[in-house]
Amino acid sequence: MPEETIYEGEEKRSRRGLATYFRRLARRLSRGEPVPADEEQTVTVEVPEDPEFEVELEQEDDTVSLEIEVEWPADKGIIDTEAHASKATFDLYEDNAEEYRWRLVHDNGNIIADSSEGYASKQKATQGLESVRKNAPGADVVDLSKDEEPEDEGASNAAFELFADTGAKWRWRLRHDNGEIIADGGQGYSSKQKAKQGLRSVKTNVRGAEIR
């Protein structure tokens, strides 16, 4: 059978962007879940227990390449080119004040993120959620209770801020570099750990979430 390219993507990323991508793959591999090849998580593959693993470092003229290859027999891994690997869905709706909002709903029914404001139009609300879809996966997590500062170089134009509210509940919000809060958790958590789990769920599921 001739060689067939099922998916191929190429782009420039920062080191932190690469780290975000590899962490996503590592989590899925460790759980035995289908691994997404694309950012939208529409192309996935199940990797068997014992694939061949190869790392190759090459230099040609002024270019260095690091190639990582994982290989296995075709009958041991299932490829899905119409996958929906995200476990969440964006709800886009109009509220009682006739403003448009969005919320990110996990398959278990929990709202794991929502817009921090109402928008004048559906188009602006969609632009808002697309900004979250783009920036959340690579965003740094800044613990405001420790007076931390965001990293100078990130894979995102936003950062998650983790903080305790006046009721001693832990919350998170996603703040863009322009100062605007573009998403929040929509609820308080009983512990910092649970708040971190909530924002990690957003990081994992936001990119491939469908809009309804």
Protein backbone atom coordinates (compact mmCIF):
# COMPACT_ATOMS: atom_id res chain seq x y z
CA MET A 1 0.00 0.00 0.00
CA PRO A 2 1.47 3.43 -0.94
CA GLU A 3 2.29 5.94 1.79
CA GLU A 4 -0.65 8.16 2.74
CA THR A 5 -0.42 11.43 4.66
CA ILE A 6 -3.48 11.62 6.91
CA TYR A 7 -2.62 14.88 8.64
CA GLU A 8 0.26 17.35 8.39
CA GLY A 9 0.66 20.70 10.11
CA GLU A 10 3.50 23.21 10.25
CA GLU A 11 3.80 26.47 12.18
CA LYS A 12 6.18 28.48 14.36
CA ARG A 13 5.81 28.13 18.13
CA SER A 14 7.62 29.39 21.18
CA ARG A 15 9.36 26.89 23.45
CA ARG A 16 6.49 27.21 25.91
CA GLY A 17 4.04 26.57 23.08
CA LEU A 18 5.87 23.35 22.26
CA ALA A 19 5.80 22.38 25.93
CA THR A 20 2.04 22.91 26.03
CA TYR A 21 1.56 20.67 22.99
CA PHE A 22 3.76 17.88 24.36
CA ARG A 23 2.09 18.03 27.80
CA ARG A 24 -1.28 17.52 26.12
CA LEU A 25 0.08 14.47 24.29
CA ALA A 26 1.70 13.14 27.45
CA ARG A 27 -1.54 13.34 29.45
CA ARG A 28 -3.50 11.50 26.78
CA LEU A 29 -0.78 8.84 26.37
CA SER A 30 -0.53 8.19 30.11
CA ARG A 31 -4.31 7.71 30.31
CA GLY A 32 -4.47 5.47 27.25
CA GLU A 33 -6.75 8.00 25.49
CA PRO A 34 -6.75 8.90 21.78
CA VAL A 35 -4.01 11.44 21.03
CA PRO A 36 -4.98 14.58 19.07
CA ALA A 37 -2.77 15.44 16.09
CA ASP A 38 -4.29 18.86 15.41
CA GLU A 39 -5.08 21.78 17.71
CA GLU A 40 -8.83 21.47 17.10
CA GLN A 41 -8.62 17.81 18.21
CA THR A 42 -10.53 16.59 15.16
CA VAL A 43 -7.82 14.08 14.13
CA THR A 44 -6.88 11.54 16.79
CA VAL A 45 -5.04 8.24 16.97
CA GLU A 46 -4.91 5.49 19.57
CA VAL A 47 -1.27 4.62 20.31
CA PRO A 48 -0.65 0.97 21.30
CA GLU A 49 1.25 -0.08 24.42
CA ASP A 50 4.62 -0.79 22.79
CA PRO A 51 5.31 1.33 19.69
CA GLU A 52 8.76 1.87 18.16
CA PHE A 53 10.23 5.20 19.30
CA GLU A 54 12.94 7.10 17.45
CA VAL A 55 14.64 10.45 18.07
CA GLU A 56 16.91 11.96 15.44
CA LEU A 57 18.94 15.18 15.70
CA GLU A 58 20.33 16.47 12.40
CA GLN A 59 22.17 19.51 11.12
CA GLU A 60 22.23 20.50 7.45
CA ASP A 61 24.08 23.71 6.63
CA ASP A 62 22.59 26.34 8.98
CA THR A 63 19.48 24.35 9.94
CA VAL A 64 19.09 21.98 12.90
CA SER A 65 16.15 19.59 13.11
CA LEU A 66 14.93 17.43 15.99
CA GLU A 67 12.67 14.69 14.70
CA ILE A 68 10.57 12.51 17.00
CA GLU A 69 8.90 9.49 15.45
CA VAL A 70 6.55 6.93 16.97
CA GLU A 71 5.71 3.95 14.76
CA TRP A 72 3.53 0.84 15.02
CA PRO A 73 1.67 -1.64 12.78
CA ALA A 74 -1.45 -0.14 11.16
CA ASP A 75 -3.73 -2.79 12.66
CA LYS A 76 -2.77 -1.79 16.26
CA GLY A 77 -3.91 1.85 16.28
CA ILE A 78 -7.28 3.38 15.39
CA ILE A 79 -7.21 6.68 13.47
CA ASP A 80 -10.23 8.98 13.64
CA THR A 81 -10.32 11.91 11.20
CA GLU A 82 -13.74 13.09 12.39
CA ALA A 83 -13.08 13.05 16.11
CA HIS A 84 -14.50 15.25 18.81
CA ALA A 85 -11.82 14.76 21.45
CA SER A 86 -12.90 17.72 23.56
CA LYS A 87 -15.23 16.83 26.42
CA ALA A 88 -16.91 20.23 26.43
CA THR A 89 -19.16 22.43 24.29
CA PHE A 90 -19.55 26.19 23.99
CA ASP A 91 -23.10 27.46 24.57
CA LEU A 92 -23.71 30.83 22.87
CA TYR A 93 -26.90 32.52 24.10
CA GLU A 94 -28.77 35.78 24.73
CA ASP A 95 -29.43 36.71 28.38
CA ASN A 96 -32.38 38.57 29.94
CA ALA A 97 -30.68 41.93 29.30
CA GLU A 98 -30.55 41.07 25.57
CA GLU A 99 -26.77 40.74 25.67
CA TYR A 100 -24.93 37.78 24.19
CA ARG A 101 -22.84 35.50 26.39
CA TRP A 102 -21.03 32.19 26.17
CA ARG A 103 -20.34 29.38 28.61
CA LEU A 104 -18.19 26.27 28.30
CA VAL A 105 -20.13 23.20 29.45
CA HIS A 106 -18.41 19.88 30.23
CA ASP A 107 -20.04 16.65 29.08
CA ASN A 108 -20.88 15.96 32.75
CA GLY A 109 -23.10 19.06 32.74
CA ASN A 110 -20.80 21.34 34.76
CA ILE A 111 -20.12 24.87 33.52
CA ILE A 112 -16.32 25.06 33.60
CA ALA A 113 -15.92 28.59 32.17
CA ASP A 114 -18.01 31.52 31.05
CA SER A 115 -17.69 34.98 29.59
CA SER A 116 -16.97 37.59 32.22
CA GLU A 117 -19.32 40.07 30.52
CA GLY A 118 -22.23 40.39 28.13
CA TYR A 119 -21.62 41.39 24.51
CA ALA A 120 -23.66 43.73 22.33
CA SER A 121 -23.83 41.22 19.46
CA LYS A 122 -23.48 37.51 18.75
CA GLN A 123 -20.47 38.33 16.58
CA LYS A 124 -18.62 40.02 19.44
CA ALA A 125 -19.46 37.16 21.81
CA THR A 126 -18.09 34.70 19.25
CA GLN A 127 -14.92 36.77 18.94
CA GLY A 128 -14.61 36.65 22.72
CA LEU A 129 -14.85 32.87 22.95
CA GLU A 130 -12.45 32.47 20.02
CA SER A 131 -9.92 34.57 21.95
CA VAL A 132 -10.32 32.18 24.89
CA ARG A 133 -10.04 29.16 22.57
CA LYS A 134 -6.77 30.57 21.20
CA ASN A 135 -5.16 31.74 24.43
CA ALA A 136 -6.31 29.39 27.22
CA PRO A 137 -4.31 26.22 26.31
CA GLY A 138 -0.91 27.92 26.55
CA ALA A 139 -1.69 30.46 29.27
CA ASP A 140 0.50 30.59 32.38
CA VAL A 141 -1.11 30.15 35.80
CA VAL A 142 -0.33 33.01 38.19
CA ASP A 143 -1.09 32.53 41.90
CA LEU A 144 -2.03 35.99 43.14
CA SER A 145 -1.93 34.81 46.76
CA LYS A 146 1.84 34.46 46.34
CA ASP A 147 2.31 37.76 44.47
CA GLU A 148 3.54 35.90 41.43
CA GLU A 149 4.09 37.57 38.08
CA PRO A 150 3.44 36.07 34.63
CA GLU A 151 6.42 34.71 32.74
CA ASP A 152 8.04 37.15 30.31
CA GLU A 153 7.70 34.73 27.42
CA GLY A 154 4.59 32.63 27.00
CA ALA A 155 2.70 30.65 24.41
CA SER A 156 -0.33 32.84 24.97
CA ASN A 157 -1.42 36.47 25.10
CA ALA A 158 -3.25 35.78 28.36
CA ALA A 159 -2.63 34.35 31.85
CA PHE A 160 -4.81 32.50 34.35
CA GLU A 161 -5.02 34.33 37.67
CA LEU A 162 -5.68 32.15 40.70
CA PHE A 163 -7.01 33.95 43.80
CA ALA A 164 -9.16 33.69 46.94
CA ASP A 165 -12.31 35.84 47.06
CA THR A 166 -13.76 37.66 50.09
CA GLY A 167 -15.71 34.52 51.01
CA ALA A 168 -12.49 32.44 51.19
CA LYS A 169 -13.45 30.59 48.00
CA TRP A 170 -10.80 29.98 45.35
CA ARG A 171 -11.44 31.30 41.85
CA TRP A 172 -9.68 31.78 38.54
CA ARG A 173 -9.96 34.29 35.74
CA LEU A 174 -8.25 34.49 32.37
CA ARG A 175 -6.79 37.95 31.80
CA HIS A 176 -5.58 39.11 28.38
CA ASP A 177 -2.33 41.07 28.07
CA ASN A 178 -4.45 44.15 27.33
CA GLY A 179 -5.86 43.91 30.87
CA GLU A 180 -9.28 42.59 29.87
CA ILE A 181 -10.74 39.57 31.69
CA ILE A 182 -11.88 37.29 28.85
CA ALA A 183 -13.14 34.33 30.93
CA ASP A 184 -13.65 33.14 34.48
CA GLY A 185 -14.60 29.95 36.28
CA GLY A 186 -18.14 31.09 37.06
CA GLN A 187 -17.98 29.63 40.57
CA GLY A 188 -15.93 29.49 43.76
CA TYR A 189 -13.99 26.36 44.73
CA SER A 190 -13.42 25.03 48.22
CA SER A 191 -9.66 24.69 47.68
CA LYS A 192 -6.86 26.01 45.49
CA GLN A 193 -6.32 22.48 44.17
CA LYS A 194 -9.92 22.22 42.93
CA ALA A 195 -9.67 25.63 41.27
CA LYS A 196 -6.51 24.47 39.48
CA GLN A 197 -8.31 21.30 38.37
CA GLY A 198 -11.10 23.47 36.97
CA LEU A 199 -8.83 25.68 34.90
CA ARG A 200 -6.82 22.65 33.69
CA SER A 201 -10.08 21.19 32.38
CA VAL A 202 -10.57 24.41 30.41
CA LYS A 203 -7.00 24.23 29.06
CA THR A 204 -7.59 20.64 27.91
CA ASN A 205 -11.05 20.98 26.39
CA VAL A 206 -11.41 24.52 25.08
CA ARG A 207 -9.55 24.12 21.78
CA GLY A 208 -11.75 21.43 20.25
CA ALA A 209 -15.07 22.42 21.81
CA GLU A 210 -17.93 22.84 19.36
CA ILE A 211 -20.26 25.87 19.46
CA ARG A 212 -24.00 25.45 19.81
